[in-house]
Amino acid sequence: MMMTTTEEPRRRRTPFRSVWFHVGLALALTLVVVAFIGQPSSSSMAPTLQPGDRLIVNRLAYVAADPAPGDIVVFRPDANWGDEPAVSSNPVSAALHWLGETTGIRPYVLVKRVIARPGQTVECCDANGSVLVDGEPLDEPYVAENLPYVAGELDCDTTPVSTRCFPDVTVPEDSYLVLGDNRANSADSAYPCRGNPTADDSCFRWMTRDDVFGEAGAILWPVSRWGGP
């Protein structure tokens, strides 16, 4: 008797079993993480944000809206803000930096607080040392360390002038004046103008609408600082 054998039909490889599919999925997830998670902060936003904090960045916050005063924004600085710091010697950090800059997914950015939007007038300081926006003093409980100011002794009319002071300026179209919460250690929009009694509005540097990268979201790292800012 002749015996016949039947071959089990070969299973078709589906995309979900493909090595390349999993590689592509892993790469896509990595790009999402790089794009939205892990933006670092510096001491310029202390105590709201501490050096080493890693943040979620809401890149969709300003798709259909503009930054508003009080927002903590993440933006790409132009050449007026100076050179970016040297790349870390850590190979993983260096690789992520290269990937972010090359793809534009996570370029070098700064984190500051929006103080005034286009068309608003800003100056510092009033008799109490407060920043004025459209003539009204700002209430800024988030500023824990400010530059020295003593009315009648070290203010905007004394010699020397307080380094807290900067001239009045009207924010240009499509631009924003941004400051750090740690005014005593923040290279922000007004930094080149502070304490200079002869300064004019040409000394300011602006965050433009096109520079905006996203809004600072929750702190992810370290674990002890989850939440906020």
Protein backbone atom coordinates (compact mmCIF):
# COMPACT_ATOMS: atom_id res chain seq x y z
CA MET A 1 0.00 0.00 0.00
CA MET A 2 1.33 3.40 -0.95
CA MET A 3 1.35 5.90 1.90
CA THR A 4 0.75 9.53 1.22
CA THR A 5 1.88 12.40 3.34
CA THR A 6 0.22 15.69 3.73
CA GLU A 7 2.26 18.78 4.25
CA GLU A 8 1.04 21.22 6.81
CA PRO A 9 0.36 24.52 5.08
CA ARG A 10 3.13 27.02 5.68
CA ARG A 11 2.12 29.78 7.98
CA ARG A 12 2.19 33.13 6.32
CA ARG A 13 4.41 35.67 8.01
CA THR A 14 2.40 38.62 9.11
CA PRO A 15 3.79 42.12 9.61
CA PHE A 16 3.40 41.65 13.36
CA ARG A 17 5.90 38.79 13.23
CA SER A 18 8.37 40.72 11.16
CA VAL A 19 11.61 41.76 12.81
CA TRP A 20 11.53 44.96 10.83
CA PHE A 21 8.07 45.77 12.08
CA HIS A 22 9.27 45.55 15.68
CA VAL A 23 12.35 47.59 14.89
CA GLY A 24 10.17 50.25 13.29
CA LEU A 25 7.76 50.24 16.22
CA ALA A 26 10.62 50.59 18.70
CA LEU A 27 12.06 53.47 16.69
CA ALA A 28 8.68 55.22 16.51
CA LEU A 29 8.20 54.90 20.27
CA THR A 30 11.72 56.20 20.84
CA LEU A 31 10.98 59.24 18.69
CA VAL A 32 7.81 59.93 20.68
CA VAL A 33 9.74 59.73 23.94
CA VAL A 34 12.50 61.97 22.59
CA ALA A 35 9.93 64.48 21.32
CA PHE A 36 7.75 64.78 24.40
CA ILE A 37 9.79 63.63 27.39
CA GLY A 38 13.07 64.48 29.01
CA GLN A 39 13.58 68.17 28.34
CA PRO A 40 15.98 69.40 31.04
CA SER A 41 15.66 72.53 33.13
CA SER A 42 18.37 74.79 34.52
CA SER A 43 18.77 76.89 37.65
CA SER A 44 17.23 79.92 35.89
CA MET A 45 13.71 78.66 36.74
CA ALA A 46 14.36 77.74 40.38
CA PRO A 47 12.54 77.10 42.63
CA THR A 48 9.69 76.28 40.22
CA LEU A 49 12.01 73.97 38.31
CA GLN A 50 15.25 72.67 39.76
CA PRO A 51 18.47 71.83 37.89
CA GLY A 52 18.19 68.26 36.66
CA ASP A 53 14.39 68.17 36.48
CA ARG A 54 13.15 66.26 33.46
CA LEU A 55 9.85 67.44 32.04
CA ILE A 56 7.09 66.39 29.73
CA VAL A 57 6.81 69.00 26.97
CA ASN A 58 3.32 69.58 25.63
CA ARG A 59 4.13 70.21 21.98
CA LEU A 60 0.44 70.53 21.13
CA ALA A 61 -0.31 73.35 23.60
CA TYR A 62 0.20 76.12 21.08
CA VAL A 63 -1.09 74.49 17.91
CA ALA A 64 -4.36 76.43 18.14
CA ALA A 65 -3.41 78.99 20.80
CA ASP A 66 -0.69 81.50 21.58
CA PRO A 67 1.49 81.61 24.69
CA ALA A 68 -0.05 83.65 27.50
CA PRO A 69 1.57 85.62 30.33
CA GLY A 70 2.42 83.25 33.15
CA ASP A 71 2.97 80.22 30.90
CA ILE A 72 6.24 78.33 31.29
CA VAL A 73 7.41 77.79 27.74
CA VAL A 74 10.06 75.72 26.01
CA PHE A 75 11.58 77.43 22.97
CA ARG A 76 14.45 77.29 20.52
CA PRO A 77 16.76 80.29 21.12
CA ASP A 78 18.11 82.15 18.11
CA ALA A 79 21.65 83.49 17.76
CA ASN A 80 20.89 86.51 19.96
CA TRP A 81 20.72 84.19 22.97
CA GLY A 82 24.35 83.09 22.64
CA ASP A 83 25.99 79.77 21.94
CA GLU A 84 24.49 76.56 23.21
CA PRO A 85 26.47 74.66 25.85
CA ALA A 86 28.94 71.96 24.92
CA VAL A 87 27.54 68.48 24.25
CA SER A 88 27.84 66.04 27.13
CA SER A 89 30.69 63.52 27.02
CA ASN A 90 28.21 60.79 28.01
CA PRO A 91 27.74 58.74 24.80
CA VAL A 92 24.02 58.16 25.40
CA SER A 93 23.35 61.87 26.04
CA ALA A 94 25.50 62.82 23.05
CA ALA A 95 23.60 60.38 20.82
CA LEU A 96 20.22 61.74 21.95
CA HIS A 97 21.46 65.29 21.40
CA TRP A 98 22.59 64.38 17.87
CA LEU A 99 19.28 62.65 17.14
CA GLY A 100 17.26 65.59 18.45
CA GLU A 101 19.23 68.21 16.54
CA THR A 102 19.42 66.20 13.31
CA THR A 103 15.73 65.36 13.16
CA GLY A 104 14.48 68.58 14.76
CA ILE A 105 12.42 66.46 17.15
CA ARG A 106 14.22 67.71 20.24
CA PRO A 107 16.68 70.53 19.48
CA TYR A 108 18.50 72.64 22.03
CA VAL A 109 15.88 74.64 23.94
CA LEU A 110 15.46 77.07 26.84
CA VAL A 111 12.74 77.13 29.50
CA LYS A 112 11.39 80.52 30.68
CA ARG A 113 8.19 82.17 31.88
CA VAL A 114 6.17 84.43 29.58
CA ILE A 115 5.86 87.92 31.10
CA ALA A 116 4.38 89.91 28.22
CA ARG A 117 2.97 89.25 24.76
CA PRO A 118 3.08 91.30 21.54
CA GLY A 119 2.04 94.93 21.96
CA GLN A 120 2.38 95.01 25.75
CA THR A 121 4.73 97.48 27.44
CA VAL A 122 7.13 96.23 30.10
CA GLU A 123 9.57 97.97 32.43
CA CYS A 124 11.30 97.54 35.75
CA CYS A 125 10.91 98.77 38.28
CA ASP A 126 8.24 100.61 40.28
CA ALA A 127 8.96 102.03 43.75
CA ASN A 128 8.57 98.55 45.23
CA GLY A 129 10.93 96.92 42.74
CA SER A 130 8.15 95.18 40.79
CA VAL A 131 8.01 94.54 37.06
CA LEU A 132 5.33 96.64 35.36
CA VAL A 133 3.26 95.36 32.42
CA ASP A 134 1.10 98.02 30.78
CA GLY A 135 1.71 100.15 33.87
CA GLU A 136 0.47 97.53 36.35
CA PRO A 137 2.85 95.82 38.80
CA LEU A 138 3.06 92.05 38.54
CA ASP A 139 2.40 89.82 41.52
CA GLU A 140 5.16 87.23 41.20
CA PRO A 141 5.10 84.78 44.13
CA TYR A 142 7.20 82.34 42.07
CA VAL A 143 10.26 84.65 42.24
CA ALA A 144 12.22 83.45 45.27
CA GLU A 145 15.62 84.98 44.53
CA ASN A 146 15.61 88.43 42.95
CA LEU A 147 18.28 90.97 42.15
CA PRO A 148 19.02 93.57 44.87
CA TYR A 149 16.73 96.60 45.05
CA VAL A 150 16.36 99.10 47.90
CA ALA A 151 14.18 102.16 47.23
CA GLY A 152 16.19 105.36 47.65
CA GLU A 153 19.47 103.48 48.13
CA LEU A 154 19.80 101.09 45.20
CA ASP A 155 17.02 101.59 42.67
CA CYS A 156 16.53 102.72 39.07
CA ASP A 157 17.47 106.35 39.82
CA THR A 158 20.53 105.86 42.00
CA THR A 159 24.18 105.60 41.02
CA PRO A 160 24.94 102.79 40.57
CA VAL A 161 21.59 101.58 39.25
CA SER A 162 20.07 98.39 40.63
CA THR A 163 20.74 95.42 38.37
CA ARG A 164 17.04 94.61 38.66
CA CYS A 165 16.19 97.62 36.48
CA PHE A 166 15.67 97.59 32.73
CA PRO A 167 14.18 100.24 30.39
CA ASP A 168 10.58 100.33 29.22
CA VAL A 169 9.94 98.46 25.99
CA THR A 170 6.97 97.52 23.84
CA VAL A 171 7.07 93.86 22.83
CA PRO A 172 7.33 93.56 19.02
CA GLU A 173 4.86 91.73 16.81
CA ASP A 174 5.07 87.92 17.02
CA SER A 175 7.47 88.19 19.99
CA TYR A 176 7.33 87.57 23.73
CA LEU A 177 9.30 88.87 26.70
CA VAL A 178 10.35 85.90 28.84
CA LEU A 179 12.11 85.91 32.22
CA GLY A 180 13.43 83.25 34.56
CA ASP A 181 11.87 82.75 37.99
CA ASN A 182 15.37 82.89 39.46
CA ARG A 183 15.96 86.51 38.46
CA ALA A 184 19.33 86.58 40.23
CA ASN A 185 20.63 83.89 37.86
CA SER A 186 18.72 84.02 34.61
CA ALA A 187 20.03 84.89 31.15
CA ASP A 188 16.60 85.93 29.87
CA SER A 189 15.02 88.55 27.58
CA ALA A 190 16.06 91.47 29.79
CA TYR A 191 19.45 90.14 30.86
CA PRO A 192 21.56 92.29 28.45
CA CYS A 193 19.69 95.44 29.54
CA ARG A 194 19.73 95.15 33.33
CA GLY A 195 21.49 97.82 35.37
CA ASN A 196 22.36 99.94 32.33
CA PRO A 197 20.91 103.47 32.67
CA THR A 198 21.67 104.26 29.00
CA ALA A 199 20.15 101.07 27.56
CA ASP A 200 17.36 101.27 25.00
CA ASP A 201 14.97 98.71 23.54
CA SER A 202 17.64 97.35 21.17
CA CYS A 203 19.28 95.43 24.02
CA PHE A 204 16.36 93.03 24.50
CA ARG A 205 16.22 89.57 23.01
CA TRP A 206 12.89 87.95 22.23
CA MET A 207 11.23 84.60 22.07
CA THR A 208 9.41 84.69 18.74
CA ARG A 209 6.23 82.79 17.95
CA ASP A 210 8.12 80.58 15.51
CA ASP A 211 10.66 79.70 18.22
CA VAL A 212 8.05 78.16 20.53
CA PHE A 213 8.61 74.43 21.01
CA GLY A 214 5.89 73.69 23.58
CA GLU A 215 4.66 74.26 27.11
CA ALA A 216 6.43 72.82 30.13
CA GLY A 217 4.34 70.02 31.61
CA ALA A 218 4.71 67.67 34.54
CA ILE A 219 8.07 66.85 36.13
CA LEU A 220 8.94 63.19 35.50
CA TRP A 221 12.33 63.01 37.19
CA PRO A 222 13.44 62.87 39.93
CA VAL A 223 10.62 60.80 41.39
CA SER A 224 10.53 62.99 44.51
CA ARG A 225 9.41 65.93 42.35
CA TRP A 226 6.70 64.26 40.28
CA GLY A 227 4.01 66.66 39.18
CA GLY A 228 4.06 70.45 38.73
CA PRO A 229 5.52 72.74 37.65
